[in-house]
């Protein structure tokens, strides 16, 4: 087995790869996820599951069904960010295939990602195209661009694969953390995932720091991962109600990202657009009955100001790419379950147009 792995490692161009799966209450997902990992072609020589204090029998399942998997038990559930960082730190290889527990990779996913990552030493992340496990012909996540309002302008969101834009390996600005082949050393050198975020915006924040320091992120369009159910109570795909927890994380983490990553000049230039989007987000939160969650998010954002100030200083000292070369004015991505017709559709269109128009002005001032 060691000789076989060494041969496959040489063929990958990257050396051996560690697989790190983050799990919380994922007993229903883990078997399919790890069976798919076992079937991967490529140079996998260790599999680590970082468990966030699950109480659903996940660890017992791992001990019984996957005794060769290393389990790293976190003392409590602080979200995927600390778990991902912990998994990268204990991995024995520089290149890590980082998976959520509801990700099911195809057998050729790793070899395609590794070939892309090995093509340029500036590549820090290679991501596959994420499709819905329940509808594999439709894209879920395919990377995106940095919307200056502190959002991801998602590519090909919910589009049928046959009409999705992009072929082969293409550069994207933002990766989405369902399944990522990452250069562990590059990520940890920038502090890894922001552990105060818990979930939501954490992949935007990390991607921005990587791109602003000169790294590349690529999407390998013919490498596929099936994305299953998401995180209960936080993920949102269908109606009728938007989760209050998601409103909280959105309210806190969006401004955490902006305050840490944008230069002061950029924040000032973008402020009218940032405020306009915030007003729209508050109105939406209020309509969903989650104004309290919106307010809690703002209070939590302010409570982290000392830590955020220190992280901002560290990042701004090493960045090399200005905000105006990274940020875009659109499109504004809206989950299909929230799209509407009539007056609501008009409001969405006006908001998107106003944000785009302001960035046309603000980009000339941004730092």
Protein backbone atom coordinates (compact mmCIF):
# COMPACT_ATOMS: atom_id res chain seq x y z
CA UNK A 1 0.00 0.00 0.00
CA UNK A 2 2.81 2.45 0.81
CA UNK A 3 4.45 1.87 -2.59
CA UNK A 4 1.10 2.36 -4.33
CA UNK A 5 0.47 5.59 -2.46
CA UNK A 6 3.97 6.86 -3.23
CA UNK A 7 3.42 6.18 -6.92
CA UNK A 8 0.08 7.98 -6.95
CA UNK A 9 1.59 10.86 -4.98
CA UNK A 10 4.29 11.33 -7.57
CA UNK A 11 1.65 11.38 -10.29
CA UNK A 12 -0.41 14.05 -8.54
CA UNK A 13 2.35 16.63 -8.64
CA UNK A 14 1.60 17.67 -5.06
CA UNK A 15 2.76 14.76 -2.97
CA UNK A 16 0.44 12.92 -0.58
CA UNK A 17 -2.81 14.57 0.47
CA UNK A 18 -4.60 14.57 3.83
CA UNK A 19 -8.39 14.49 3.87
CA UNK A 20 -10.00 16.48 6.70
CA UNK A 21 -13.76 16.13 7.26
CA UNK A 22 -15.50 18.48 9.68
CA UNK A 23 -18.47 16.89 11.44
CA UNK A 24 -21.22 17.96 13.77
CA UNK A 25 -24.24 15.71 14.31
CA UNK A 26 -23.50 14.15 10.93
CA UNK A 27 -24.12 10.47 11.57
CA UNK A 28 -26.63 10.46 8.70
CA UNK A 29 -23.98 11.80 6.28
CA UNK A 30 -20.67 10.35 7.37
CA UNK A 31 -20.87 6.88 5.84
CA UNK A 32 -21.56 8.14 2.34
CA UNK A 33 -18.99 10.91 2.69
CA UNK A 34 -16.23 8.58 3.87
CA UNK A 35 -17.11 5.74 1.50
CA UNK A 36 -16.60 8.26 -1.31
CA UNK A 37 -13.25 9.30 0.19
CA UNK A 38 -12.19 5.64 0.24
CA UNK A 39 -12.95 5.43 -3.47
CA UNK A 40 -10.90 8.49 -4.42
CA UNK A 41 -8.23 8.10 -7.03
CA UNK A 42 -5.18 10.04 -5.91
CA UNK A 43 -2.56 10.23 -3.22
CA UNK A 44 -4.59 10.09 -0.01
CA UNK A 45 -2.52 8.76 2.88
CA UNK A 46 -4.59 9.86 5.88
CA UNK A 47 -8.19 10.71 6.70
CA UNK A 48 -9.05 12.87 9.71
CA UNK A 49 -12.54 13.59 11.02
CA UNK A 50 -12.74 16.62 13.29
CA UNK A 51 -15.82 16.15 15.44
CA UNK A 52 -17.46 19.16 17.08
CA UNK A 53 -18.73 17.39 20.22
CA UNK A 54 -21.49 15.49 18.40
CA UNK A 55 -24.09 13.68 20.50
CA UNK A 56 -25.76 11.70 17.69
CA UNK A 57 -23.44 8.67 17.71
CA UNK A 58 -21.09 10.03 15.04
CA UNK A 59 -17.92 9.05 16.88
CA UNK A 60 -19.21 5.54 17.67
CA UNK A 61 -20.07 5.10 13.99
CA UNK A 62 -16.54 6.14 13.02
CA UNK A 63 -14.96 3.71 15.49
CA UNK A 64 -17.07 0.85 14.18
CA UNK A 65 -17.20 1.49 10.42
CA UNK A 66 -14.01 3.45 9.81
CA UNK A 67 -11.36 2.31 12.32
CA UNK A 68 -8.57 3.60 10.06
CA UNK A 69 -9.89 7.18 10.29
CA UNK A 70 -8.23 9.45 12.83
CA UNK A 71 -10.80 11.23 15.02
CA UNK A 72 -9.92 14.62 16.43
CA UNK A 73 -12.50 15.45 19.11
CA UNK A 74 -13.15 19.12 19.76
CA UNK A 75 -14.24 19.93 23.33
CA UNK A 76 -17.34 21.85 22.18
CA UNK A 77 -19.11 22.96 19.03
CA UNK A 78 -17.62 26.32 18.12
CA UNK A 79 -18.52 25.91 14.45
CA UNK A 80 -16.57 24.69 11.43
CA UNK A 81 -13.90 27.42 11.49
CA UNK A 82 -11.93 26.25 14.56
CA UNK A 83 -12.45 22.64 13.44
CA UNK A 84 -11.07 23.27 9.96
CA UNK A 85 -8.06 25.06 11.41
CA UNK A 86 -7.44 22.26 13.92
CA UNK A 87 -7.64 19.65 11.17
CA UNK A 88 -5.15 21.52 9.00
CA UNK A 89 -2.74 21.92 11.91
CA UNK A 90 -2.62 18.20 12.74
CA UNK A 91 -2.56 17.01 9.12
CA UNK A 92 0.83 15.61 8.19
CA UNK A 93 0.67 16.86 4.60
CA UNK A 94 0.83 20.34 3.16
CA UNK A 95 -2.10 19.74 0.80
CA UNK A 96 -5.44 19.05 2.46
CA UNK A 97 -8.74 18.05 0.89
CA UNK A 98 -11.13 19.80 3.28
CA UNK A 99 -14.68 18.44 3.25
CA UNK A 100 -17.92 19.19 5.00
CA UNK A 101 -19.63 16.02 6.25
CA UNK A 102 -22.43 16.37 3.68
CA UNK A 103 -20.03 16.46 0.71
CA UNK A 104 -19.77 13.37 -1.52
CA UNK A 105 -16.81 13.52 -3.87
CA UNK A 106 -16.61 11.61 -7.12
CA UNK A 107 -13.73 9.21 -7.64
CA UNK A 108 -11.79 11.51 -9.97
CA UNK A 109 -12.32 14.73 -7.99
CA UNK A 110 -8.97 14.72 -6.19
CA UNK A 111 -6.84 13.93 -9.24
CA UNK A 112 -8.44 16.77 -11.18
CA UNK A 113 -8.02 19.22 -8.32
CA UNK A 114 -4.43 18.14 -7.71
CA UNK A 115 -3.48 18.56 -11.36
CA UNK A 116 -4.88 22.08 -11.33
CA UNK A 117 -3.22 23.02 -8.03
CA UNK A 118 0.15 21.71 -9.20
CA UNK A 119 0.10 23.95 -12.28
CA UNK A 120 1.12 27.13 -10.44
CA UNK A 121 2.77 27.62 -7.03
CA UNK A 122 0.57 30.69 -6.44
CA UNK A 123 -2.57 28.54 -6.26
CA UNK A 124 -3.72 28.22 -2.66
CA UNK A 125 -7.16 26.69 -3.26
CA UNK A 126 -8.60 24.47 -5.98
CA UNK A 127 -12.32 23.89 -5.68
CA UNK A 128 -14.63 21.48 -7.48
CA UNK A 129 -18.04 22.40 -8.83
CA UNK A 130 -20.65 21.71 -6.15
CA UNK A 131 -23.98 20.32 -7.38
CA UNK A 132 -27.11 19.37 -5.48
CA UNK A 133 -27.05 15.71 -4.48
CA UNK A 134 -30.81 15.64 -5.03
CA UNK A 135 -30.43 17.23 -8.47
CA UNK A 136 -26.91 16.57 -9.80
CA UNK A 137 -27.57 18.42 -13.06
CA UNK A 138 -27.90 21.75 -11.21
CA UNK A 139 -25.04 23.82 -9.76
CA UNK A 140 -25.17 24.81 -6.13
CA UNK A 141 -21.82 26.55 -5.59
CA UNK A 142 -19.23 27.36 -8.22
CA UNK A 143 -17.13 30.08 -6.62
CA UNK A 144 -17.74 33.76 -7.14
CA UNK A 145 -16.55 37.34 -7.00
CA UNK A 146 -16.24 39.85 -4.16
CA UNK A 147 -19.27 42.16 -4.09
CA UNK A 148 -18.23 45.40 -2.38
CA UNK A 149 -21.34 45.29 -0.16
CA UNK A 150 -19.54 42.50 1.72
CA UNK A 151 -21.10 39.58 -0.15
CA UNK A 152 -20.24 36.86 -2.64
CA UNK A 153 -21.49 37.41 -6.18
CA UNK A 154 -21.98 33.69 -6.84
CA UNK A 155 -21.27 32.12 -10.22
CA UNK A 156 -23.80 29.80 -11.84
CA UNK A 157 -25.94 29.74 -8.70
CA UNK A 158 -28.73 27.14 -9.18
CA UNK A 159 -28.05 27.03 -12.94
CA UNK A 160 -28.31 23.77 -14.92
CA UNK A 161 -24.82 22.44 -15.65
CA UNK A 162 -25.56 22.44 -19.38
CA UNK A 163 -25.96 26.24 -19.36
CA UNK A 164 -23.37 27.03 -16.66
CA UNK A 165 -20.60 29.40 -17.68
CA UNK A 166 -16.99 28.27 -17.59
CA UNK A 167 -15.07 25.27 -18.87
CA UNK A 168 -11.88 23.63 -17.65
CA UNK A 169 -9.92 25.33 -14.86
CA UNK A 170 -10.68 29.02 -14.34
CA UNK A 171 -9.67 31.66 -11.83
CA UNK A 172 -12.27 32.76 -9.30
CA UNK A 173 -11.93 35.22 -6.46
CA UNK A 174 -13.94 33.41 -3.81
CA UNK A 175 -14.14 29.73 -2.95
CA UNK A 176 -17.09 28.19 -1.12
CA UNK A 177 -16.20 25.75 1.65
CA UNK A 178 -18.05 22.56 0.76
CA UNK A 179 -15.03 20.74 -0.65
CA UNK A 180 -11.68 22.46 -1.19
CA UNK A 181 -8.16 21.28 -1.94
CA UNK A 182 -6.07 23.76 0.04
CA UNK A 183 -2.46 24.63 0.59
CA UNK A 184 -2.51 24.30 4.36
CA UNK A 185 0.67 26.33 4.81
CA UNK A 186 -0.66 29.28 2.80
CA UNK A 187 -3.95 29.36 4.71
CA UNK A 188 -2.44 29.05 8.17
CA UNK A 189 0.17 31.70 7.37
CA UNK A 190 -2.74 34.14 7.14
CA UNK A 191 -4.38 32.84 10.30
CA UNK A 192 -6.66 30.27 8.67
CA UNK A 193 -10.40 30.64 9.02
CA UNK A 194 -11.61 33.42 11.31
CA UNK A 195 -12.65 31.46 14.40
CA UNK A 196 -14.98 34.20 15.64
CA UNK A 197 -17.32 33.74 12.67
CA UNK A 198 -18.65 30.26 13.57
CA UNK A 199 -20.21 29.89 10.10
CA UNK A 200 -21.29 32.12 7.18
CA UNK A 201 -18.91 34.56 5.41
CA UNK A 202 -15.90 32.61 6.69
CA UNK A 203 -14.97 31.39 3.20
CA UNK A 204 -15.43 34.91 1.78
CA UNK A 205 -13.15 36.32 4.48
CA UNK A 206 -10.42 33.72 3.94
CA UNK A 207 -10.61 33.96 0.14
CA UNK A 208 -10.27 37.74 0.29
CA UNK A 209 -7.17 37.58 2.46
CA UNK A 210 -5.60 35.05 0.12
CA UNK A 211 -6.36 37.03 -3.03
CA UNK A 212 -5.26 40.32 -1.46
CA UNK A 213 -1.86 38.80 -0.69
CA UNK A 214 -1.34 37.52 -4.22
CA UNK A 215 -2.59 33.93 -4.12
CA UNK A 216 -4.76 32.38 -6.81
CA UNK A 217 -8.00 30.45 -6.31
CA UNK A 218 -9.19 28.20 -9.13
CA UNK A 219 -12.41 26.38 -9.88
CA UNK A 220 -12.06 23.08 -11.68
CA UNK A 221 -15.33 22.90 -13.56
CA UNK A 222 -15.24 19.19 -14.43
CA UNK A 223 -14.40 18.09 -10.87
CA UNK A 224 -17.70 17.42 -9.13
CA UNK A 225 -18.83 17.15 -5.52
CA UNK A 226 -22.39 16.30 -4.53
CA UNK A 227 -23.71 18.56 -1.77
CA UNK A 228 -26.37 17.07 0.48
CA UNK A 229 -28.46 18.62 3.23
CA UNK A 230 -26.43 21.52 4.64
CA UNK A 231 -26.33 22.63 8.27
CA UNK A 232 -29.67 22.20 10.08
CA UNK A 233 -31.03 25.47 11.43
CA UNK A 234 -28.58 27.60 9.42
CA UNK A 235 -28.57 26.51 5.78
CA UNK A 236 -31.42 27.81 3.66
CA UNK A 237 -32.58 26.40 0.35
CA UNK A 238 -36.36 26.30 0.51
CA UNK A 239 -39.06 28.32 2.31
CA UNK A 240 -41.12 29.23 4.04
CA UNK A 241 -39.07 30.85 6.83
CA UNK A 242 -35.53 32.17 6.81
CA UNK A 243 -33.65 30.93 9.93
CA UNK A 244 -33.11 33.47 12.70
CA UNK A 245 -29.64 32.02 13.34
CA UNK A 246 -28.67 32.84 9.77
CA UNK A 247 -29.87 36.42 10.22
CA UNK A 248 -27.65 36.70 13.31
CA UNK A 249 -24.53 35.36 11.60
CA UNK A 250 -25.16 37.47 8.51
CA UNK A 251 -25.64 40.61 10.64
CA UNK A 252 -22.43 40.02 12.59
CA UNK A 253 -20.08 38.38 10.11
CA UNK A 254 -20.63 40.60 7.09
CA UNK A 255 -19.39 43.62 9.01
CA UNK A 256 -16.62 41.58 10.63
CA UNK A 257 -15.33 40.84 7.14
CA UNK A 258 -15.66 44.42 5.89
CA UNK A 259 -14.09 46.00 8.98
CA UNK A 260 -11.14 43.64 8.92
CA UNK A 261 -10.39 43.35 5.22
CA UNK A 262 -11.22 46.66 3.54
CA UNK A 263 -8.90 49.62 3.70
CA UNK A 264 -10.34 52.64 5.51
CA UNK A 265 -10.51 54.58 2.26
CA UNK A 266 -12.53 51.79 0.68
CA UNK A 267 -15.01 51.66 3.57
CA UNK A 268 -15.59 55.40 3.30
CA UNK A 269 -16.02 55.24 -0.48
CA UNK A 270 -18.36 52.26 -0.29
CA UNK A 271 -20.32 53.47 2.74
CA UNK A 272 -23.49 54.61 0.88
CA UNK A 273 -23.75 51.21 -0.80
CA UNK A 274 -22.96 49.36 2.43
CA UNK A 275 -25.63 51.36 4.27
CA UNK A 276 -28.21 50.84 1.51
CA UNK A 277 -27.73 47.08 1.60
CA UNK A 278 -27.87 47.10 5.42
CA UNK A 279 -31.19 48.94 5.32
CA UNK A 280 -32.57 46.38 2.88
CA UNK A 281 -31.26 43.52 5.02
CA UNK A 282 -32.84 44.97 8.15
CA UNK A 283 -36.18 45.37 6.35
CA UNK A 284 -35.98 41.74 5.25
CA UNK A 285 -35.08 40.61 8.79
CA UNK A 286 -37.98 42.58 10.20
CA UNK A 287 -40.41 41.07 7.68
CA UNK A 288 -39.18 37.58 8.62
CA UNK A 289 -39.72 38.28 12.33
CA UNK A 290 -35.98 38.31 13.08
CA UNK A 291 -35.26 41.95 13.95
CA UNK A 292 -33.97 40.77 17.34
CA UNK A 293 -31.46 38.45 15.68
CA UNK A 294 -30.31 41.32 13.46
CA UNK A 295 -29.71 43.48 16.54
CA UNK A 296 -27.93 40.68 18.42
CA UNK A 297 -25.60 40.33 15.46
CA UNK A 298 -24.69 44.00 15.59
CA UNK A 299 -24.00 43.85 19.33
CA UNK A 300 -21.82 40.76 18.85
CA UNK A 301 -19.91 42.56 16.08
CA UNK A 302 -19.16 45.48 18.41
CA UNK A 303 -18.12 43.14 21.23
CA UNK A 304 -15.30 41.75 19.07
CA UNK A 305 -13.79 45.12 18.16
CA UNK A 306 -10.49 44.68 20.05
CA UNK A 307 -9.74 41.30 18.50
CA UNK A 308 -10.85 42.50 15.09
CA UNK A 309 -8.61 45.57 15.33
CA UNK A 310 -5.57 43.36 15.95
CA UNK A 311 -6.43 41.00 13.09
CA UNK A 312 -7.03 43.95 10.78
CA UNK A 313 -3.60 45.38 11.56
CA UNK A 314 -1.88 42.06 10.82
CA UNK A 315 -3.68 41.60 7.51
CA UNK A 316 -3.33 45.17 6.25
CA UNK A 317 0.41 44.99 6.92
CA UNK A 318 0.92 42.09 4.48
CA UNK A 319 -1.63 42.72 1.73
CA UNK A 320 -0.34 43.68 -1.72
CA UNK A 321 -3.46 43.95 -3.89
CA UNK A 322 -5.74 47.01 -3.51
CA UNK A 323 -9.46 46.64 -2.84
CA UNK A 324 -10.40 48.33 -6.11
CA UNK A 325 -8.71 45.48 -8.03
CA UNK A 326 -10.67 42.84 -6.11
CA UNK A 327 -14.17 44.20 -5.53
CA UNK A 328 -17.05 44.28 -8.02
CA UNK A 329 -20.44 46.00 -8.07
CA UNK A 330 -22.64 43.02 -8.92
CA UNK A 331 -24.54 40.90 -9.46
CA UNK A 332 -26.47 40.69 -6.20
CA UNK A 333 -27.11 36.98 -5.64
CA UNK A 334 -30.50 36.02 -4.19
CA UNK A 335 -31.48 32.47 -3.22
CA UNK A 336 -34.29 31.35 -5.56
CA UNK A 337 -36.53 30.54 -2.58
CA UNK A 338 -36.49 34.26 -1.70
CA UNK A 339 -37.06 35.59 -5.18
CA UNK A 340 -40.45 37.08 -5.83
CA UNK A 341 -42.51 38.73 -8.51
CA UNK A 342 -44.32 42.05 -8.50
CA UNK A 343 -43.25 44.78 -6.10
CA UNK A 344 -40.65 42.60 -4.35
CA UNK A 345 -38.94 41.83 -7.66
CA UNK A 346 -38.88 45.55 -8.49
CA UNK A 347 -37.27 46.33 -5.11
CA UNK A 348 -34.60 43.66 -5.67
CA UNK A 349 -33.83 45.02 -9.15
CA UNK A 350 -33.63 48.62 -7.92
CA UNK A 351 -31.35 47.62 -5.02
CA UNK A 352 -29.02 45.69 -7.31
CA UNK A 353 -28.91 48.53 -9.83
CA UNK A 354 -28.26 51.17 -7.17
CA UNK A 355 -25.42 49.17 -5.65
CA UNK A 356 -23.82 48.62 -9.05
CA UNK A 357 -24.16 52.31 -9.94
CA UNK A 358 -22.58 53.50 -6.72
CA UNK A 359 -19.59 51.19 -7.13
CA UNK A 360 -18.94 52.71 -10.55
CA UNK A 361 -18.26 55.94 -8.63
CA UNK A 362 -16.73 54.50 -5.44
CA UNK A 363 -14.18 52.28 -7.21
CA UNK A 364 -12.31 55.35 -8.36
CA UNK A 365 -11.89 56.43 -4.74
CA UNK A 366 -11.32 53.05 -3.08
CA UNK A 367 -7.89 52.09 -1.83
